[in-house]
N, C-alpha and C. Protein backbone atom coordinates (compact mmCIF):
# COMPACT_ATOMS: atom_id res chain seq x y z
N MET A 1 12.90 33.24 -0.64
CA MET A 1 12.22 33.70 0.57
C MET A 1 12.36 32.60 1.62
N ASN A 2 12.70 32.99 2.82
CA ASN A 2 12.81 32.01 3.89
C ASN A 2 11.47 31.87 4.62
N ARG A 3 11.44 30.98 5.57
CA ARG A 3 10.19 30.67 6.27
C ARG A 3 9.64 31.89 7.02
N ASP A 4 10.52 32.61 7.68
CA ASP A 4 10.07 33.78 8.45
C ASP A 4 9.46 34.83 7.53
N ASP A 5 10.09 35.08 6.39
CA ASP A 5 9.56 36.05 5.44
C ASP A 5 8.19 35.59 4.91
N ALA A 6 8.09 34.31 4.62
CA ALA A 6 6.82 33.78 4.11
C ALA A 6 5.72 33.90 5.17
N THR A 7 6.07 33.61 6.42
CA THR A 7 5.09 33.73 7.51
C THR A 7 4.63 35.17 7.67
N ARG A 8 5.59 36.10 7.62
CA ARG A 8 5.26 37.52 7.73
C ARG A 8 4.35 37.95 6.58
N GLN A 9 4.67 37.54 5.36
CA GLN A 9 3.85 37.89 4.19
C GLN A 9 2.43 37.34 4.37
N PHE A 10 2.33 36.12 4.89
CA PHE A 10 1.02 35.50 5.09
C PHE A 10 0.19 36.31 6.07
N HIS A 11 0.79 36.69 7.20
CA HIS A 11 0.05 37.42 8.23
C HIS A 11 -0.26 38.86 7.83
N GLU A 12 0.56 39.43 6.99
CA GLU A 12 0.30 40.79 6.54
C GLU A 12 -0.77 40.83 5.46
N GLY A 13 -1.06 39.72 4.87
CA GLY A 13 -2.04 39.70 3.80
C GLY A 13 -1.41 40.19 2.52
N GLY A 14 -2.20 40.66 1.62
CA GLY A 14 -1.66 41.15 0.36
C GLY A 14 -1.48 40.01 -0.63
N ASP A 15 -1.02 40.39 -1.80
CA ASP A 15 -0.94 39.43 -2.89
C ASP A 15 0.46 38.87 -3.11
N ARG A 16 1.45 39.37 -2.38
CA ARG A 16 2.83 38.96 -2.64
C ARG A 16 3.02 37.45 -2.43
N LEU A 17 2.45 36.89 -1.37
CA LEU A 17 2.61 35.46 -1.12
C LEU A 17 1.95 34.65 -2.24
N ALA A 18 0.78 35.07 -2.68
CA ALA A 18 0.11 34.36 -3.78
C ALA A 18 0.94 34.43 -5.05
N GLU A 19 1.59 35.57 -5.28
CA GLU A 19 2.46 35.71 -6.45
C GLU A 19 3.64 34.76 -6.36
N LEU A 20 4.22 34.63 -5.17
CA LEU A 20 5.36 33.72 -4.99
C LEU A 20 4.95 32.27 -5.21
N VAL A 21 3.77 31.91 -4.74
CA VAL A 21 3.28 30.55 -4.95
C VAL A 21 3.07 30.29 -6.44
N ASP A 22 2.51 31.27 -7.13
CA ASP A 22 2.30 31.13 -8.57
C ASP A 22 3.61 30.99 -9.33
N GLU A 23 4.67 31.64 -8.84
CA GLU A 23 5.96 31.60 -9.52
C GLU A 23 6.71 30.29 -9.26
N GLY A 24 6.29 29.53 -8.28
CA GLY A 24 7.00 28.30 -7.91
C GLY A 24 6.87 27.21 -8.97
N GLN A 25 7.75 26.25 -8.85
CA GLN A 25 7.74 25.11 -9.77
C GLN A 25 6.67 24.11 -9.33
N PRO A 26 6.04 23.43 -10.29
CA PRO A 26 5.05 22.42 -9.90
C PRO A 26 5.74 21.27 -9.17
N ALA A 27 5.05 20.73 -8.20
CA ALA A 27 5.59 19.60 -7.45
C ALA A 27 5.57 18.34 -8.32
N ARG A 28 6.63 17.57 -8.21
CA ARG A 28 6.70 16.30 -8.94
C ARG A 28 6.21 15.19 -8.02
N LEU A 29 4.99 14.80 -8.23
CA LEU A 29 4.39 13.75 -7.41
C LEU A 29 4.60 12.40 -8.05
N PRO A 30 4.74 11.35 -7.25
CA PRO A 30 4.92 10.02 -7.84
C PRO A 30 3.66 9.59 -8.58
N THR A 31 3.85 8.81 -9.64
CA THR A 31 2.72 8.28 -10.40
C THR A 31 2.13 7.11 -9.63
N PRO A 32 0.82 7.11 -9.39
CA PRO A 32 0.21 5.98 -8.68
C PRO A 32 0.44 4.68 -9.43
N ASP A 33 0.60 3.59 -8.68
CA ASP A 33 0.84 2.29 -9.29
C ASP A 33 -0.46 1.57 -9.63
N SER A 34 -1.57 2.27 -9.51
CA SER A 34 -2.87 1.64 -9.76
C SER A 34 -3.87 2.70 -10.22
N ASP A 35 -4.79 2.27 -11.07
CA ASP A 35 -5.88 3.15 -11.48
C ASP A 35 -7.00 3.14 -10.45
N VAL A 36 -6.93 2.22 -9.50
CA VAL A 36 -7.95 2.08 -8.47
C VAL A 36 -7.66 3.06 -7.35
N PRO A 37 -8.64 3.86 -6.96
CA PRO A 37 -8.41 4.78 -5.85
C PRO A 37 -8.05 4.00 -4.57
N MET A 38 -7.07 4.48 -3.85
CA MET A 38 -6.62 3.81 -2.63
C MET A 38 -6.93 4.68 -1.42
N VAL A 39 -7.11 4.04 -0.28
CA VAL A 39 -7.34 4.71 0.98
C VAL A 39 -6.20 4.32 1.91
N SER A 40 -5.61 5.29 2.55
CA SER A 40 -4.52 5.03 3.48
C SER A 40 -5.08 4.87 4.88
N ARG A 41 -4.67 3.79 5.55
CA ARG A 41 -5.09 3.54 6.93
C ARG A 41 -3.85 3.22 7.75
N SER A 42 -3.85 3.60 8.98
CA SER A 42 -2.74 3.31 9.87
C SER A 42 -3.09 2.06 10.68
N VAL A 43 -2.13 1.15 10.79
CA VAL A 43 -2.35 -0.07 11.56
C VAL A 43 -1.21 -0.19 12.57
N ARG A 44 -1.56 -0.37 13.82
CA ARG A 44 -0.53 -0.54 14.85
C ARG A 44 -0.25 -2.02 15.00
N LEU A 45 1.03 -2.37 14.86
CA LEU A 45 1.46 -3.76 14.97
C LEU A 45 2.57 -3.86 16.01
N PRO A 46 2.62 -4.98 16.74
CA PRO A 46 3.79 -5.19 17.59
C PRO A 46 5.04 -5.26 16.70
N LEU A 47 6.16 -4.80 17.22
CA LEU A 47 7.39 -4.75 16.45
C LEU A 47 7.73 -6.12 15.87
N GLU A 48 7.60 -7.17 16.66
CA GLU A 48 7.92 -8.52 16.18
C GLU A 48 7.04 -8.91 15.00
N THR A 49 5.77 -8.58 15.05
CA THR A 49 4.86 -8.89 13.94
C THR A 49 5.27 -8.11 12.70
N TYR A 50 5.56 -6.82 12.87
CA TYR A 50 5.97 -6.02 11.73
C TYR A 50 7.24 -6.57 11.10
N GLU A 51 8.21 -6.97 11.91
CA GLU A 51 9.47 -7.50 11.39
C GLU A 51 9.22 -8.79 10.61
N ARG A 52 8.30 -9.61 11.06
CA ARG A 52 7.96 -10.84 10.32
C ARG A 52 7.30 -10.51 8.99
N VAL A 53 6.41 -9.54 8.98
CA VAL A 53 5.76 -9.12 7.73
C VAL A 53 6.79 -8.54 6.78
N ARG A 54 7.68 -7.69 7.30
CA ARG A 54 8.72 -7.08 6.48
C ARG A 54 9.63 -8.14 5.86
N ALA A 55 10.01 -9.14 6.65
CA ALA A 55 10.87 -10.22 6.14
C ALA A 55 10.14 -11.02 5.06
N ALA A 56 8.86 -11.30 5.28
CA ALA A 56 8.07 -12.04 4.29
C ALA A 56 7.93 -11.25 3.00
N ALA A 57 7.72 -9.95 3.11
CA ALA A 57 7.60 -9.11 1.92
C ALA A 57 8.93 -9.06 1.17
N GLU A 58 10.01 -8.90 1.91
CA GLU A 58 11.33 -8.84 1.28
C GLU A 58 11.66 -10.15 0.55
N ALA A 59 11.30 -11.27 1.16
CA ALA A 59 11.55 -12.57 0.54
C ALA A 59 10.78 -12.73 -0.76
N ARG A 60 9.65 -12.07 -0.87
CA ARG A 60 8.82 -12.15 -2.07
C ARG A 60 9.12 -11.03 -3.06
N GLY A 61 10.00 -10.12 -2.69
CA GLY A 61 10.32 -8.99 -3.55
C GLY A 61 9.19 -7.98 -3.63
N LEU A 62 8.44 -7.85 -2.54
CA LEU A 62 7.30 -6.94 -2.49
C LEU A 62 7.52 -5.90 -1.41
N GLY A 63 6.76 -4.82 -1.50
CA GLY A 63 6.72 -3.85 -0.41
C GLY A 63 5.82 -4.38 0.70
N VAL A 64 6.05 -3.90 1.91
CA VAL A 64 5.27 -4.35 3.06
C VAL A 64 3.78 -4.09 2.85
N THR A 65 3.42 -2.88 2.39
CA THR A 65 2.00 -2.58 2.23
C THR A 65 1.37 -3.40 1.11
N THR A 66 2.14 -3.71 0.08
CA THR A 66 1.62 -4.55 -1.01
C THR A 66 1.30 -5.94 -0.49
N LEU A 67 2.21 -6.52 0.29
CA LEU A 67 1.96 -7.85 0.84
C LEU A 67 0.78 -7.83 1.80
N MET A 68 0.71 -6.81 2.65
CA MET A 68 -0.42 -6.72 3.59
C MET A 68 -1.74 -6.60 2.83
N ARG A 69 -1.74 -5.82 1.75
CA ARG A 69 -2.96 -5.68 0.95
C ARG A 69 -3.36 -7.01 0.33
N GLN A 70 -2.37 -7.78 -0.17
CA GLN A 70 -2.66 -9.09 -0.74
C GLN A 70 -3.24 -10.02 0.31
N TRP A 71 -2.68 -10.01 1.51
CA TRP A 71 -3.19 -10.87 2.58
C TRP A 71 -4.61 -10.47 2.98
N ILE A 72 -4.88 -9.19 3.04
CA ILE A 72 -6.24 -8.73 3.39
C ILE A 72 -7.23 -9.17 2.31
N GLU A 73 -6.83 -8.99 1.04
CA GLU A 73 -7.71 -9.39 -0.06
C GLU A 73 -7.95 -10.90 -0.05
N ALA A 74 -6.93 -11.70 0.25
CA ALA A 74 -7.08 -13.16 0.33
C ALA A 74 -8.01 -13.54 1.48
N GLY A 75 -7.86 -12.86 2.61
CA GLY A 75 -8.73 -13.13 3.74
C GLY A 75 -10.18 -12.77 3.45
N LEU A 76 -10.40 -11.67 2.77
CA LEU A 76 -11.76 -11.29 2.39
C LEU A 76 -12.35 -12.27 1.38
N ALA A 77 -11.51 -12.77 0.47
CA ALA A 77 -11.99 -13.75 -0.51
C ALA A 77 -12.43 -15.03 0.19
N ASP A 78 -11.74 -15.40 1.28
CA ASP A 78 -12.14 -16.58 2.05
C ASP A 78 -13.52 -16.41 2.68
N LEU A 79 -13.89 -15.17 2.98
CA LEU A 79 -15.20 -14.90 3.58
C LEU A 79 -16.32 -14.91 2.55
N ASP A 80 -15.96 -14.75 1.29
CA ASP A 80 -16.94 -14.63 0.22
C ASP A 80 -17.16 -15.99 -0.43
N ASP A 81 -18.33 -16.58 -0.23
CA ASP A 81 -18.62 -17.90 -0.81
C ASP A 81 -18.67 -17.88 -2.33
N SER A 82 -18.82 -16.72 -2.92
CA SER A 82 -18.91 -16.65 -4.37
C SER A 82 -17.55 -16.44 -5.03
N ALA A 83 -16.48 -16.40 -4.23
CA ALA A 83 -15.15 -16.17 -4.79
C ALA A 83 -14.76 -17.33 -5.69
N THR A 84 -14.04 -17.03 -6.75
CA THR A 84 -13.58 -18.07 -7.67
C THR A 84 -12.10 -18.34 -7.44
N VAL A 85 -11.71 -19.56 -7.75
CA VAL A 85 -10.30 -19.94 -7.68
C VAL A 85 -9.89 -20.41 -9.05
N SER A 86 -8.60 -20.35 -9.32
CA SER A 86 -8.14 -20.78 -10.63
C SER A 86 -8.19 -22.30 -10.74
N LEU A 87 -8.41 -22.79 -11.94
CA LEU A 87 -8.44 -24.22 -12.20
C LEU A 87 -7.10 -24.85 -11.83
N ALA A 88 -6.00 -24.15 -12.08
CA ALA A 88 -4.68 -24.67 -11.73
C ALA A 88 -4.56 -24.90 -10.23
N ASP A 89 -5.11 -23.99 -9.42
CA ASP A 89 -5.07 -24.18 -7.97
C ASP A 89 -5.89 -25.39 -7.55
N VAL A 90 -7.03 -25.58 -8.16
CA VAL A 90 -7.87 -26.74 -7.85
C VAL A 90 -7.14 -28.02 -8.21
N ARG A 91 -6.53 -28.05 -9.38
CA ARG A 91 -5.79 -29.25 -9.81
C ARG A 91 -4.63 -29.56 -8.86
N ARG A 92 -3.92 -28.54 -8.43
CA ARG A 92 -2.80 -28.77 -7.49
C ARG A 92 -3.32 -29.32 -6.18
N ALA A 93 -4.42 -28.78 -5.69
CA ALA A 93 -4.99 -29.26 -4.43
C ALA A 93 -5.44 -30.71 -4.56
N LEU A 94 -6.09 -31.05 -5.66
CA LEU A 94 -6.55 -32.43 -5.87
C LEU A 94 -5.36 -33.38 -6.01
N ALA A 95 -4.32 -32.94 -6.69
CA ALA A 95 -3.14 -33.78 -6.86
C ALA A 95 -2.47 -34.03 -5.51
N ALA A 96 -2.44 -33.01 -4.66
CA ALA A 96 -1.85 -33.17 -3.34
C ALA A 96 -2.65 -34.15 -2.50
N LEU A 97 -3.97 -34.12 -2.63
CA LEU A 97 -4.83 -35.05 -1.89
C LEU A 97 -4.68 -36.48 -2.39
N ALA A 98 -4.37 -36.65 -3.66
CA ALA A 98 -4.25 -37.97 -4.26
C ALA A 98 -2.95 -38.65 -3.90
N GLN A 99 -1.96 -37.91 -3.43
CA GLN A 99 -0.67 -38.51 -3.07
C GLN A 99 -0.80 -39.30 -1.78
N PRO A 100 -0.28 -40.54 -1.78
CA PRO A 100 -0.32 -41.32 -0.53
C PRO A 100 0.63 -40.70 0.49
N THR A 101 0.21 -40.72 1.71
CA THR A 101 1.03 -40.14 2.79
C THR A 101 1.85 -41.25 3.44
N ALA A 102 3.06 -40.91 3.86
CA ALA A 102 3.93 -41.87 4.53
C ALA A 102 3.42 -42.09 5.95
N ALA A 103 3.45 -43.32 6.39
CA ALA A 103 2.93 -43.64 7.73
C ALA A 103 3.98 -43.55 8.77
């Protein structure tokens, strides 16, 4: 059935369109990459900013939205005084502070 026939069936009413929908194949939807429910939001970015984000994501082997989500989560963690950091990160930071700097 083409689009015009389907539109006509819809406007005429009846059960034929419902029968055709029932006869159709189930849609193959992608499997979500997370068990956590996600919300989609649109963000307007200047082209130059988007290109920088895209290049950073590509360099890390990530998708643009994955990298943006990581950055947002990191920024929110900075706002939360109760956020925890890994012991390895603390040790690296202390080791960097202990190194003498060249004058």
